[in-house]
Amino acid sequence: WYRQAPGKQRELVAAVTRSGSTNYADSVKGRFTISRDNAKNT
């Protein structure tokens, strides 16, 4: 997931691998959670 606010560059928010490893922007750590359902490709 990326986000872009008005007048700002697009920035990475969070990422998740197929195996479930995650990475977060410092600004959202502890507040946002990324997850995926591989069976639903979602």
PDB file of all heavy atoms in Angstrom:
ATOM      1  N   TRP A   1       0.855  -1.179   0.000  1.00  0.00           N
ATOM      2  CA  TRP A   1       0.000   0.000   0.000  1.00  0.00           C
ATOM      3  C   TRP A   1       0.898   1.237   0.000  1.00  0.00           C
ATOM      4  O   TRP A   1       1.841   1.326   0.799  1.00  0.00           O
ATOM      5  CB  TRP A   1      -0.903   0.031   1.226  1.00  0.00           C
ATOM      6  CG  TRP A   1      -2.001  -0.968   1.191  1.00  0.00           C
ATOM      7  CD1 TRP A   1      -2.028  -2.206   1.767  1.00  0.00           C
ATOM      8  CD2 TRP A   1      -3.269  -0.806   0.527  1.00  0.00           C
ATOM      9  NE1 TRP A   1      -3.223  -2.829   1.502  1.00  0.00           N
ATOM     10  CE2 TRP A   1      -4.000  -1.984   0.744  1.00  0.00           C
ATOM     11  CE3 TRP A   1      -3.846   0.216  -0.224  1.00  0.00           C
ATOM     12  CZ2 TRP A   1      -5.290  -2.183   0.240  1.00  0.00           C
ATOM     13  CZ3 TRP A   1      -5.110   0.027  -0.723  1.00  0.00           C
ATOM     14  CH2 TRP A   1      -5.831  -1.152  -0.491  1.00  0.00           C
ATOM     15  N   TYR A   2       0.582   2.161  -0.896  1.00  0.00           N
ATOM     16  CA  TYR A   2       1.213   3.467  -0.935  1.00  0.00           C
ATOM     17  C   TYR A   2       0.127   4.513  -0.687  1.00  0.00           C
ATOM     18  O   TYR A   2      -1.068   4.226  -0.801  1.00  0.00           O
ATOM     19  CB  TYR A   2       1.850   3.724  -2.305  1.00  0.00           C
ATOM     20  CG  TYR A   2       3.145   3.015  -2.553  1.00  0.00           C
ATOM     21  CD1 TYR A   2       3.180   1.650  -2.792  1.00  0.00           C
ATOM     22  CD2 TYR A   2       4.351   3.711  -2.573  1.00  0.00           C
ATOM     23  CE1 TYR A   2       4.383   0.992  -3.037  1.00  0.00           C
ATOM     24  CE2 TYR A   2       5.559   3.064  -2.818  1.00  0.00           C
ATOM     25  CZ  TYR A   2       5.563   1.712  -3.046  1.00  0.00           C
ATOM     26  OH  TYR A   2       6.763   1.068  -3.291  1.00  0.00           O
ATOM     27  N   ARG A   3       0.543   5.716  -0.397  1.00  0.00           N
ATOM     28  CA  ARG A   3      -0.411   6.821  -0.285  1.00  0.00           C
ATOM     29  C   ARG A   3       0.217   8.102  -0.836  1.00  0.00           C
ATOM     30  O   ARG A   3       1.435   8.257  -0.834  1.00  0.00           O
ATOM     31  CB  ARG A   3      -0.875   7.014   1.156  1.00  0.00           C
ATOM     32  CG  ARG A   3       0.208   7.514   2.108  1.00  0.00           C
ATOM     33  CD  ARG A   3      -0.333   7.554   3.529  1.00  0.00           C
ATOM     34  NE  ARG A   3       0.648   8.039   4.499  1.00  0.00           N
ATOM     35  CZ  ARG A   3       0.474   8.049   5.801  1.00  0.00           C
ATOM     36  NH1 ARG A   3      -0.668   7.594   6.330  1.00  0.00           N
ATOM     37  NH2 ARG A   3       1.430   8.511   6.602  1.00  0.00           N
ATOM     38  N   GLN A   4      -0.670   8.970  -1.282  1.00  0.00           N
ATOM     39  CA  GLN A   4      -0.229  10.263  -1.805  1.00  0.00           C
ATOM     40  C   GLN A   4      -1.172  11.340  -1.324  1.00  0.00           C
ATOM     41  O   GLN A   4      -2.371  11.318  -1.654  1.00  0.00           O
ATOM     42  CB  GLN A   4      -0.160  10.245  -3.334  1.00  0.00           C
ATOM     43  CG  GLN A   4       0.474  11.498  -3.914  1.00  0.00           C
ATOM     44  CD  GLN A   4       0.833  11.338  -5.373  1.00  0.00           C
ATOM     45  OE1 GLN A   4       0.331  10.471  -6.075  1.00  0.00           O
ATOM     46  NE2 GLN A   4       1.747  12.185  -5.846  1.00  0.00           N
ATOM     47  N   ALA A   5      -0.627  12.248  -0.532  1.00  0.00           N
ATOM     48  CA  ALA A   5      -1.390  13.397  -0.051  1.00  0.00           C
ATOM     49  C   ALA A   5      -1.221  14.545  -1.039  1.00  0.00           C
ATOM     50  O   ALA A   5      -0.237  14.594  -1.789  1.00  0.00           O
ATOM     51  CB  ALA A   5      -0.896  13.801   1.331  1.00  0.00           C
ATOM     52  N   PRO A   6      -2.162  15.492  -1.044  1.00  0.00           N
ATOM     53  CA  PRO A   6      -2.060  16.629  -1.976  1.00  0.00           C
ATOM     54  C   PRO A   6      -0.736  17.359  -1.822  1.00  0.00           C
ATOM     55  O   PRO A   6      -0.319  17.699  -0.715  1.00  0.00           O
ATOM     56  CB  PRO A   6      -3.239  17.506  -1.563  1.00  0.00           C
ATOM     57  CG  PRO A   6      -4.213  16.564  -0.960  1.00  0.00           C
ATOM     58  CD  PRO A   6      -3.393  15.529  -0.256  1.00  0.00           C
ATOM     59  N   GLY A   7      -0.063  17.565  -2.943  1.00  0.00           N
ATOM     60  CA  GLY A   7       1.198  18.298  -2.933  1.00  0.00           C
ATOM     61  C   GLY A   7       2.391  17.532  -2.442  1.00  0.00           C
ATOM     62  O   GLY A   7       3.479  18.098  -2.302  1.00  0.00           O
ATOM     63  N   LYS A   8       2.210  16.249  -2.174  1.00  0.00           N
ATOM     64  CA  LYS A   8       3.315  15.431  -1.672  1.00  0.00           C
ATOM     65  C   LYS A   8       3.591  14.261  -2.599  1.00  0.00           C
ATOM     66  O   LYS A   8       2.754  13.886  -3.416  1.00  0.00           O
ATOM     67  CB  LYS A   8       3.005  14.922  -0.263  1.00  0.00           C
ATOM     68  CG  LYS A   8       2.900  16.033   0.779  1.00  0.00           C
ATOM     69  CD  LYS A   8       2.781  15.457   2.171  1.00  0.00           C
ATOM     70  CE  LYS A   8       2.777  16.554   3.220  1.00  0.00           C
ATOM     71  NZ  LYS A   8       2.685  16.000   4.603  1.00  0.00           N
ATOM     72  N   GLN A   9       4.773  13.682  -2.443  1.00  0.00           N
ATOM     73  CA  GLN A   9       5.120  12.513  -3.236  1.00  0.00           C
ATOM     74  C   GLN A   9       4.424  11.266  -2.703  1.00  0.00           C
ATOM     75  O   GLN A   9       4.077  11.171  -1.522  1.00  0.00           O
ATOM     76  CB  GLN A   9       6.644  12.308  -3.204  1.00  0.00           C
ATOM     77  CG  GLN A   9       7.426  13.335  -3.983  1.00  0.00           C
ATOM     78  CD  GLN A   9       8.904  12.975  -4.091  1.00  0.00           C
ATOM     79  OE1 GLN A   9       9.441  12.259  -3.245  1.00  0.00           O
ATOM     80  NE2 GLN A   9       9.554  13.446  -5.144  1.00  0.00           N
ATOM     81  N   ARG A  10       4.216  10.321  -3.581  1.00  0.00           N
ATOM     82  CA  ARG A  10       3.661   9.039  -3.172  1.00  0.00           C
ATOM     83  C   ARG A  10       4.683   8.334  -2.271  1.00  0.00           C
ATOM     84  O   ARG A  10       5.872   8.316  -2.570  1.00  0.00           O
ATOM     85  CB  ARG A  10       3.343   8.181  -4.398  1.00  0.00           C
ATOM     86  CG  ARG A  10       2.497   6.988  -4.106  1.00  0.00           C
ATOM     87  CD  ARG A  10       2.027   6.314  -5.395  1.00  0.00           C
ATOM     88  NE  ARG A  10       1.168   7.192  -6.177  1.00  0.00           N
ATOM     89  CZ  ARG A  10       0.491   6.806  -7.260  1.00  0.00           C
ATOM     90  NH1 ARG A  10       0.580   5.531  -7.671  1.00  0.00           N
ATOM     91  NH2 ARG A  10      -0.253   7.643  -7.928  1.00  0.00           N
ATOM     92  N   GLU A  11       4.190   7.755  -1.189  1.00  0.00           N
ATOM     93  CA  GLU A  11       5.084   7.107  -0.234  1.00  0.00           C
ATOM     94  C   GLU A  11       4.592   5.712   0.131  1.00  0.00           C
ATOM     95  O   GLU A  11       3.378   5.457   0.146  1.00  0.00           O
ATOM     96  CB  GLU A  11       5.206   7.943   1.054  1.00  0.00           C
ATOM     97  CG  GLU A  11       3.912   8.109   1.820  1.00  0.00           C
ATOM     98  CD  GLU A  11       4.091   8.858   3.140  1.00  0.00           C
ATOM     99  OE1 GLU A  11       5.221   9.229   3.492  1.00  0.00           O
ATOM    100  OE2 GLU A  11       3.076   9.052   3.831  1.00  0.00           O
ATOM    101  N   LEU A  12       5.534   4.845   0.432  1.00  0.00           N
ATOM    102  CA  LEU A  12       5.197   3.495   0.862  1.00  0.00           C
ATOM    103  C   LEU A  12       4.611   3.535   2.275  1.00  0.00           C
ATOM    104  O   LEU A  12       5.174   4.163   3.167  1.00  0.00           O
ATOM    105  CB  LEU A  12       6.437   2.612   0.854  1.00  0.00           C
ATOM    106  CG  LEU A  12       6.252   1.195   1.376  1.00  0.00           C
ATOM    107  CD1 LEU A  12       5.350   0.389   0.462  1.00  0.00           C
ATOM    108  CD2 LEU A  12       7.604   0.506   1.540  1.00  0.00           C
ATOM    109  N   VAL A  13       3.496   2.860   2.453  1.00  0.00           N
ATOM    110  CA  VAL A  13       2.860   2.753   3.766  1.00  0.00           C
ATOM    111  C   VAL A  13       3.208   1.414   4.412  1.00  0.00           C
ATOM    112  O   VAL A  13       3.662   1.359   5.555  1.00  0.00           O
ATOM    113  CB  VAL A  13       1.336   2.887   3.650  1.00  0.00           C
ATOM    114  CG1 VAL A  13       0.673   2.682   5.010  1.00  0.00           C
ATOM    115  CG2 VAL A  13       0.965   4.252   3.075  1.00  0.00           C
ATOM    116  N   ALA A  14       2.975   0.331   3.672  1.00  0.00           N
ATOM    117  CA  ALA A  14       3.240  -0.999   4.207  1.00  0.00           C
ATOM    118  C   ALA A  14       3.328  -1.991   3.068  1.00  0.00           C
ATOM    119  O   ALA A  14       2.762  -1.763   1.996  1.00  0.00           O
ATOM    120  CB  ALA A  14       2.137  -1.423   5.178  1.00  0.00           C
ATOM    121  N   ALA A  15       4.044  -3.088   3.314  1.00  0.00           N
ATOM    122  CA  ALA A  15       4.189  -4.128   2.305  1.00  0.00           C
ATOM    123  C   ALA A  15       4.172  -5.483   2.996  1.00  0.00           C
ATOM    124  O   ALA A  15       4.553  -5.609   4.166  1.00  0.00           O
ATOM    125  CB  ALA A  15       5.482  -3.956   1.518  1.00  0.00           C
ATOM    126  N   VAL A  16       3.736  -6.495   2.245  1.00  0.00           N
ATOM    127  CA  VAL A  16       3.685  -7.860   2.783  1.00  0.00           C
ATOM    128  C   VAL A  16       4.073  -8.833   1.680  1.00  0.00           C
ATOM    129  O   VAL A  16       3.669  -8.694   0.527  1.00  0.00           O
ATOM    130  CB  VAL A  16       2.284  -8.172   3.346  1.00  0.00           C
ATOM    131  CG1 VAL A  16       1.205  -8.061   2.278  1.00  0.00           C
ATOM    132  CG2 VAL A  16       2.251  -9.541   4.010  1.00  0.00           C
ATOM    133  N   THR A  17       4.902  -9.815   2.044  1.00  0.00           N
ATOM    134  CA  THR A  17       5.289 -10.843   1.090  1.00  0.00           C
ATOM    135  C   THR A  17       4.267 -11.977   1.091  1.00  0.00           C
ATOM    136  O   THR A  17       3.398 -12.052   1.971  1.00  0.00           O
ATOM    137  CB  THR A  17       6.658 -11.427   1.433  1.00  0.00           C
ATOM    138  OG1 THR A  17       6.558 -12.154   2.672  1.00  0.00           O
ATOM    139  CG2 THR A  17       7.708 -10.335   1.574  1.00  0.00           C
ATOM    140  N   ARG A  18       4.395 -12.867   0.134  1.00  0.00           N
ATOM    141  CA  ARG A  18       3.485 -14.008   0.059  1.00  0.00           C
ATOM    142  C   ARG A  18       3.557 -14.861   1.325  1.00  0.00           C
ATOM    143  O   ARG A  18       2.553 -15.415   1.764  1.00  0.00           O
ATOM    144  CB  ARG A  18       3.810 -14.856  -1.175  1.00  0.00           C
ATOM    145  CG  ARG A  18       2.959 -16.107  -1.316  1.00  0.00           C
ATOM    146  CD  ARG A  18       3.207 -16.786  -2.643  1.00  0.00           C
ATOM    147  NE  ARG A  18       2.595 -16.055  -3.741  1.00  0.00           N
ATOM    148  CZ  ARG A  18       1.315 -16.181  -4.110  1.00  0.00           C
ATOM    149  NH1 ARG A  18       0.520 -17.014  -3.466  1.00  0.00           N
ATOM    150  NH2 ARG A  18       0.851 -15.486  -5.125  1.00  0.00           N
ATOM    151  N   SER A  19       4.746 -14.923   1.928  1.00  0.00           N
ATOM    152  CA  SER A  19       4.919 -15.728   3.138  1.00  0.00           C
ATOM    153  C   SER A  19       4.497 -14.997   4.402  1.00  0.00           C
ATOM    154  O   SER A  19       4.488 -15.596   5.483  1.00  0.00           O
ATOM    155  CB  SER A  19       6.377 -16.159   3.280  1.00  0.00           C
ATOM    156  OG  SER A  19       7.215 -15.029   3.419  1.00  0.00           O
ATOM    157  N   GLY A  20       4.147 -13.707   4.279  1.00  0.00           N
ATOM    158  CA  GLY A  20       3.627 -12.977   5.423  1.00  0.00           C
ATOM    159  C   GLY A  20       4.582 -12.020   6.101  1.00  0.00           C
ATOM    160  O   GLY A  20       4.216 -11.390   7.092  1.00  0.00           O
ATOM    161  N   SER A  21       5.780 -11.869   5.585  1.00  0.00           N
ATOM    162  CA  SER A  21       6.705 -10.891   6.152  1.00  0.00           C
ATOM    163  C   SER A  21       6.203  -9.486   5.831  1.00  0.00           C
ATOM    164  O   SER A  21       5.742  -9.231   4.721  1.00  0.00           O
ATOM    165  CB  SER A  21       8.100 -11.082   5.593  1.00  0.00           C
ATOM    166  OG  SER A  21       8.605 -12.338   5.983  1.00  0.00           O
ATOM    167  N   THR A  22       6.301  -8.594   6.820  1.00  0.00           N
ATOM    168  CA  THR A  22       5.739  -7.256   6.646  1.00  0.00           C
ATOM    169  C   THR A  22       6.779  -6.167   6.863  1.00  0.00           C
ATOM    170  O   THR A  22       7.805  -6.373   7.528  1.00  0.00           O
ATOM    171  CB  THR A  22       4.574  -7.022   7.622  1.00  0.00           C
ATOM    172  OG1 THR A  22       5.049  -7.215   8.964  1.00  0.00           O
ATOM    173  CG2 THR A  22       3.428  -7.972   7.349  1.00  0.00           C
ATOM    174  N   ASN A  23       6.465  -4.997   6.323  1.00  0.00           N
ATOM    175  CA  ASN A  23       7.319  -3.820   6.456  1.00  0.00           C
ATOM    176  C   ASN A  23       6.405  -2.608   6.517  1.00  0.00           C
ATOM    177  O   ASN A  23       5.414  -2.542   5.774  1.00  0.00           O
ATOM    178  CB  ASN A  23       8.269  -3.711   5.260  1.00  0.00           C
ATOM    179  CG  ASN A  23       9.208  -2.541   5.393  1.00  0.00           C
ATOM    180  OD1 ASN A  23       9.762  -2.307   6.446  1.00  0.00           O
ATOM    181  ND2 ASN A  23       9.375  -1.785   4.319  1.00  0.00           N
ATOM    182  N   TYR A  24       6.722  -1.671   7.422  1.00  0.00           N
ATOM    183  CA  TYR A  24       5.865  -0.502   7.614  1.00  0.00           C
ATOM    184  C   TYR A  24       6.675   0.787   7.594  1.00  0.00           C
ATOM    185  O   TYR A  24       7.833   0.828   8.036  1.00  0.00           O
ATOM    186  CB  TYR A  24       5.147  -0.572   8.967  1.00  0.00           C
ATOM    187  CG  TYR A  24       4.172  -1.698   9.106  1.00  0.00           C
ATOM    188  CD1 TYR A  24       4.553  -2.917   9.639  1.00  0.00           C
ATOM    189  CD2 TYR A  24       2.848  -1.539   8.688  1.00  0.00           C
ATOM    190  CE1 TYR A  24       3.657  -3.955   9.766  1.00  0.00           C
ATOM    191  CE2 TYR A  24       1.935  -2.581   8.820  1.00  0.00           C
ATOM    192  CZ  TYR A  24       2.354  -3.783   9.346  1.00  0.00           C
ATOM    193  OH  TYR A  24       1.450  -4.817   9.463  1.00  0.00           O
ATOM    194  N   ALA A  25       6.044   1.847   7.143  1.00  0.00           N
ATOM    195  CA  ALA A  25       6.618   3.180   7.311  1.00  0.00           C
ATOM    196  C   ALA A  25       6.599   3.520   8.798  1.00  0.00           C
ATOM    197  O   ALA A  25       5.679   3.135   9.520  1.00  0.00           O
ATOM    198  CB  ALA A  25       5.805   4.202   6.530  1.00  0.00           C
ATOM    199  N   ASP A  26       7.602   4.259   9.230  1.00  0.00           N
ATOM    200  CA  ASP A  26       7.680   4.613  10.650  1.00  0.00           C
ATOM    201  C   ASP A  26       6.428   5.356  11.114  1.00  0.00           C
ATOM    202  O   ASP A  26       5.994   5.199  12.259  1.00  0.00           O
ATOM    203  CB  ASP A  26       8.912   5.482  10.904  1.00  0.00           C
ATOM    204  CG  ASP A  26      10.211   4.696  10.823  1.00  0.00           C
ATOM    205  OD1 ASP A  26      10.162   3.438  10.912  1.00  0.00           O
ATOM    206  OD2 ASP A  26      11.273   5.318  10.662  1.00  0.00           O
ATOM    207  N   SER A  27       5.853   6.147  10.231  1.00  0.00           N
ATOM    208  CA  SER A  27       4.712   6.987  10.604  1.00  0.00           C
ATOM    209  C   SER A  27       3.450   6.186  10.912  1.00  0.00           C
ATOM    210  O   SER A  27       2.511   6.728  11.512  1.00  0.00           O
ATOM    211  CB  SER A  27       4.417   7.995   9.499  1.00  0.00           C
ATOM    212  OG  SER A  27       4.131   7.321   8.281  1.00  0.00           O
ATOM    213  N   VAL A  28       3.398   4.927  10.504  1.00  0.00           N
ATOM    214  CA  VAL A  28       2.185   4.132  10.722  1.00  0.00           C
ATOM    215  C   VAL A  28       2.413   2.919  11.620  1.00  0.00           C
ATOM    216  O   VAL A  28       1.456   2.213  11.953  1.00  0.00           O
ATOM    217  CB  VAL A  28       1.560   3.665   9.388  1.00  0.00           C
ATOM    218  CG1 VAL A  28       1.326   4.852   8.463  1.00  0.00           C
ATOM    219  CG2 VAL A  28       2.417   2.601   8.715  1.00  0.00           C
ATOM    220  N   LYS A  29       3.650   2.689  12.023  1.00  0.00           N
ATOM    221  CA  LYS A  29       3.938   1.530  12.872  1.00  0.00           C
ATOM    222  C   LYS A  29       3.128   1.587  14.153  1.00  0.00           C
ATOM    223  O   LYS A  29       3.037   2.639  14.798  1.00  0.00           O
ATOM    224  CB  LYS A  29       5.439   1.477  13.202  1.00  0.00           C
ATOM    225  CG  LYS A  29       6.299   0.951  12.088  1.00  0.00           C
ATOM    226  CD  LYS A  29       7.762   0.917  12.486  1.00  0.00           C
ATOM    227  CE  LYS A  29       8.632   0.407  11.349  1.00  0.00           C
ATOM    228  NZ  LYS A  29      10.080   0.443  11.684  1.00  0.00           N
ATOM    229  N   GLY A  30       2.527   0.467  14.506  1.00  0.00           N
ATOM    230  CA  GLY A  30       1.709   0.391  15.712  1.00  0.00           C
ATOM    231  C   GLY A  30       0.278   0.828  15.509  1.00  0.00           C
ATOM    232  O   GLY A  30      -0.560   0.646  16.390  1.00  0.00           O
ATOM    233  N   ARG A  31      -0.022   1.434  14.365  1.00  0.00           N
ATOM    234  CA  ARG A  31      -1.389   1.890  14.085  1.00  0.00           C
ATOM    235  C   ARG A  31      -2.014   1.148  12.912  1.00  0.00           C
ATOM    236  O   ARG A  31      -3.226   0.931  12.890  1.00  0.00           O
ATOM    237  CB  ARG A  31      -1.392   3.390  13.791  1.00  0.00           C
ATOM    238  CG  ARG A  31      -0.867   4.240  14.913  1.00  0.00           C
ATOM    239  CD  ARG A  31      -1.094   5.729  14.635  1.00  0.00           C
ATOM    240  NE  ARG A  31      -0.406   6.193  13.438  1.00  0.00           N
ATOM    241  CZ  ARG A  31      -1.037   6.728  12.390  1.00  0.00           C
ATOM    242  NH1 ARG A  31      -2.338   6.875  12.399  1.00  0.00           N
ATOM    243  NH2 ARG A  31      -0.325   7.145  11.347  1.00  0.00           N
ATOM    244  N   PHE A  32      -1.211   0.793  11.918  1.00  0.00           N
ATOM    245  CA  PHE A  32      -1.708   0.111  10.720  1.00  0.00           C
ATOM    246  C   PHE A  32      -1.207  -1.330  10.718  1.00  0.00           C
ATOM    247  O   PHE A  32      -0.102  -1.620  11.171  1.00  0.00           O
ATOM    248  CB  PHE A  32      -1.198   0.794   9.455  1.00  0.00           C
ATOM    249  CG  PHE A  32      -1.768   2.163   9.192  1.00  0.00           C
ATOM    250  CD1 PHE A  32      -2.523   2.853  10.130  1.00  0.00           C
ATOM    251  CD2 PHE A  32      -1.542   2.775   7.962  1.00  0.00           C
ATOM    252  CE1 PHE A  32      -3.039   4.111   9.870  1.00  0.00           C
ATOM    253  CE2 PHE A  32      -2.047   4.033   7.682  1.00  0.00           C
ATOM    254  CZ  PHE A  32      -2.793   4.703   8.642  1.00  0.00           C
ATOM    255  N   THR A  33      -2.031  -2.206  10.148  1.00  0.00           N
ATOM    256  CA  THR A  33      -1.650  -3.604   9.990  1.00  0.00           C
ATOM    257  C   THR A  33      -1.970  -4.056   8.573  1.00  0.00           C
ATOM    258  O   THR A  33      -3.110  -3.928   8.130  1.00  0.00           O
ATOM    259  CB  THR A  33      -2.388  -4.502  10.985  1.00  0.00           C
ATOM    260  OG1 THR A  33      -2.105  -4.075  12.329  1.00  0.00           O
ATOM    261  CG2 THR A  33      -1.950  -5.961  10.821  1.00  0.00           C
ATOM    262  N   ILE A  34      -0.960  -4.575   7.889  1.00  0.00           N
ATOM    263  CA  ILE A  34      -1.167  -5.118   6.553  1.00  0.00           C
ATOM    264  C   ILE A  34      -1.258  -6.632   6.651  1.00  0.00           C
ATOM    265  O   ILE A  34      -0.547  -7.268   7.446  1.00  0.00           O
ATOM    266  CB  ILE A  34      -0.033  -4.695   5.587  1.00  0.00           C
ATOM    267  CG1 ILE A  34      -0.389  -5.067   4.142  1.00  0.00           C
ATOM    268  CG2 ILE A  34       1.309  -5.278   6.007  1.00  0.00           C
ATOM    269  CD1 ILE A  34       0.558  -4.457   3.112  1.00  0.00           C
ATOM    270  N   SER A  35      -2.159  -7.203   5.866  1.00  0.00           N
ATOM    271  CA  SER A  35      -2.304  -8.654   5.842  1.00  0.00           C
ATOM    272  C   SER A  35      -2.769  -9.061   4.453  1.00  0.00           C
ATOM    273  O   SER A  35      -3.156  -8.212   3.649  1.00  0.00           O
ATOM    274  CB  SER A  35      -3.304  -9.121   6.900  1.00  0.00           C
ATOM    275  OG  SER A  35      -4.586  -8.567   6.654  1.00  0.00           O
ATOM    276  N   ARG A  36      -2.713 -10.353   4.170  1.00  0.00           N
ATOM    277  CA  ARG A  36      -3.162 -10.819   2.860  1.00  0.00           C
ATOM    278  C   ARG A  36      -3.765 -12.197   2.980  1.00  0.00           C
ATOM    279  O   ARG A  36      -3.413 -12.978   3.869  1.00  0.00           O
ATOM    280  CB  ARG A  36      -2.016 -10.807   1.843  1.00  0.00           C
ATOM    281  CG  ARG A  36      -0.913 -11.774   2.114  1.00  0.00           C
ATOM    282  CD  ARG A  36       0.293 -11.482   1.214  1.00  0.00           C
ATOM    283  NE  ARG A  36       0.102 -11.948  -0.153  1.00  0.00           N
ATOM    284  CZ  ARG A  36       0.965 -11.717  -1.141  1.00  0.00           C
ATOM    285  NH1 ARG A  36       2.045 -10.969  -0.920  1.00  0.00           N
ATOM    286  NH2 ARG A  36       0.735 -12.179  -2.363  1.00  0.00           N
ATOM    287  N   ASP A  37      -4.668 -12.460   2.060  1.00  0.00           N
ATOM    288  CA  ASP A  37      -5.300 -13.768   1.932  1.00  0.00           C
ATOM    289  C   ASP A  37      -4.884 -14.290   0.565  1.00  0.00           C
ATOM    290  O   ASP A  37      -5.430 -13.861  -0.458  1.00  0.00           O
ATOM    291  CB  ASP A  37      -6.817 -13.634   2.047  1.00  0.00           C
ATOM    292  CG  ASP A  37      -7.530 -14.970   2.010  1.00  0.00           C
ATOM    293  OD1 ASP A  37      -6.995 -15.933   1.413  1.00  0.00           O
ATOM    294  OD2 ASP A  37      -8.632 -15.056   2.562  1.00  0.00           O
ATOM    295  N   ASN A  38      -3.915 -15.180   0.535  1.00  0.00           N
ATOM    296  CA  ASN A  38      -3.393 -15.663  -0.744  1.00  0.00           C
ATOM    297  C   ASN A  38      -4.443 -16.438  -1.534  1.00  0.00           C
ATOM    298  O   ASN A  38      -4.438 -16.418  -2.765  1.00  0.00           O
ATOM    299  CB  ASN A  38      -2.155 -16.530  -0.513  1.00  0.00           C
ATOM    300  CG  ASN A  38      -0.970 -15.718  -0.012  1.00  0.00           C
ATOM    301  OD1 ASN A  38      -0.806 -14.551  -0.383  1.00  0.00           O
ATOM    302  ND2 ASN A  38      -0.154 -16.315   0.842  1.00  0.00           N
ATOM    303  N   ALA A  39      -5.331 -17.098  -0.847  1.00  0.00           N
ATOM    304  CA  ALA A  39      -6.382 -17.857  -1.544  1.00  0.00           C
ATOM    305  C   ALA A  39      -7.333 -16.929  -2.300  1.00  0.00           C
ATOM    306  O   ALA A  39      -7.883 -17.297  -3.335  1.00  0.00           O
ATOM    307  CB  ALA A  39      -7.155 -18.710  -0.555  1.00  0.00           C
ATOM    308  N   LYS A  40      -7.509 -15.717  -1.764  1.00  0.00           N
ATOM    309  CA  LYS A  40      -8.395 -14.743  -2.405  1.00  0.00           C
ATOM    310  C   LYS A  40      -7.625 -13.696  -3.192  1.00  0.00           C
ATOM    311  O   LYS A  40      -8.236 -12.772  -3.740  1.00  0.00           O
ATOM    312  CB  LYS A  40      -9.248 -14.050  -1.337  1.00  0.00           C
ATOM    313  CG  LYS A  40     -10.207 -14.972  -0.615  1.00  0.00           C
ATOM    314  CD  LYS A  40     -11.037 -14.188   0.402  1.00  0.00           C
ATOM    315  CE  LYS A  40     -12.021 -15.101   1.113  1.00  0.00           C
ATOM    316  NZ  LYS A  40     -12.838 -14.355   2.110  1.00  0.00           N
ATOM    317  N   ASN A  41      -6.291 -13.799  -3.194  1.00  0.00           N
ATOM    318  CA  ASN A  41      -5.450 -12.807  -3.893  1.00  0.00           C
ATOM    319  C   ASN A  41      -5.804 -11.394  -3.461  1.00  0.00           C
ATOM    320  O   ASN A  41      -5.932 -10.479  -4.284  1.00  0.00           O
ATOM    321  CB  ASN A  41      -5.587 -12.959  -5.404  1.00  0.00           C
ATOM    322  CG  ASN A  41      -5.142 -14.319  -5.895  1.00  0.00           C
ATOM    323  OD1 ASN A  41      -4.052 -14.790  -5.558  1.00  0.00           O
ATOM    324  ND2 ASN A  41      -6.001 -14.974  -6.659  1.00  0.00           N
ATOM    325  N   THR A  42      -5.968 -11.224  -2.182  1.00  0.00           N
ATOM    326  CA  THR A  42      -6.411  -9.950  -1.623  1.00  0.00           C
ATOM    327  C   THR A  42      -5.468  -9.516  -0.508  1.00  0.00           C
ATOM    328  O   THR A  42      -5.048 -10.344   0.311  1.00  0.00           O
ATOM    329  CB  THR A  42      -7.846 -10.065  -1.093  1.00  0.00           C
ATOM    330  OG1 THR A  42      -8.713 -10.424  -2.174  1.00  0.00           O
ATOM    331  CG2 THR A  42      -8.311  -8.749  -0.491  1.00  0.00           C
TER     332      THR A  42
END
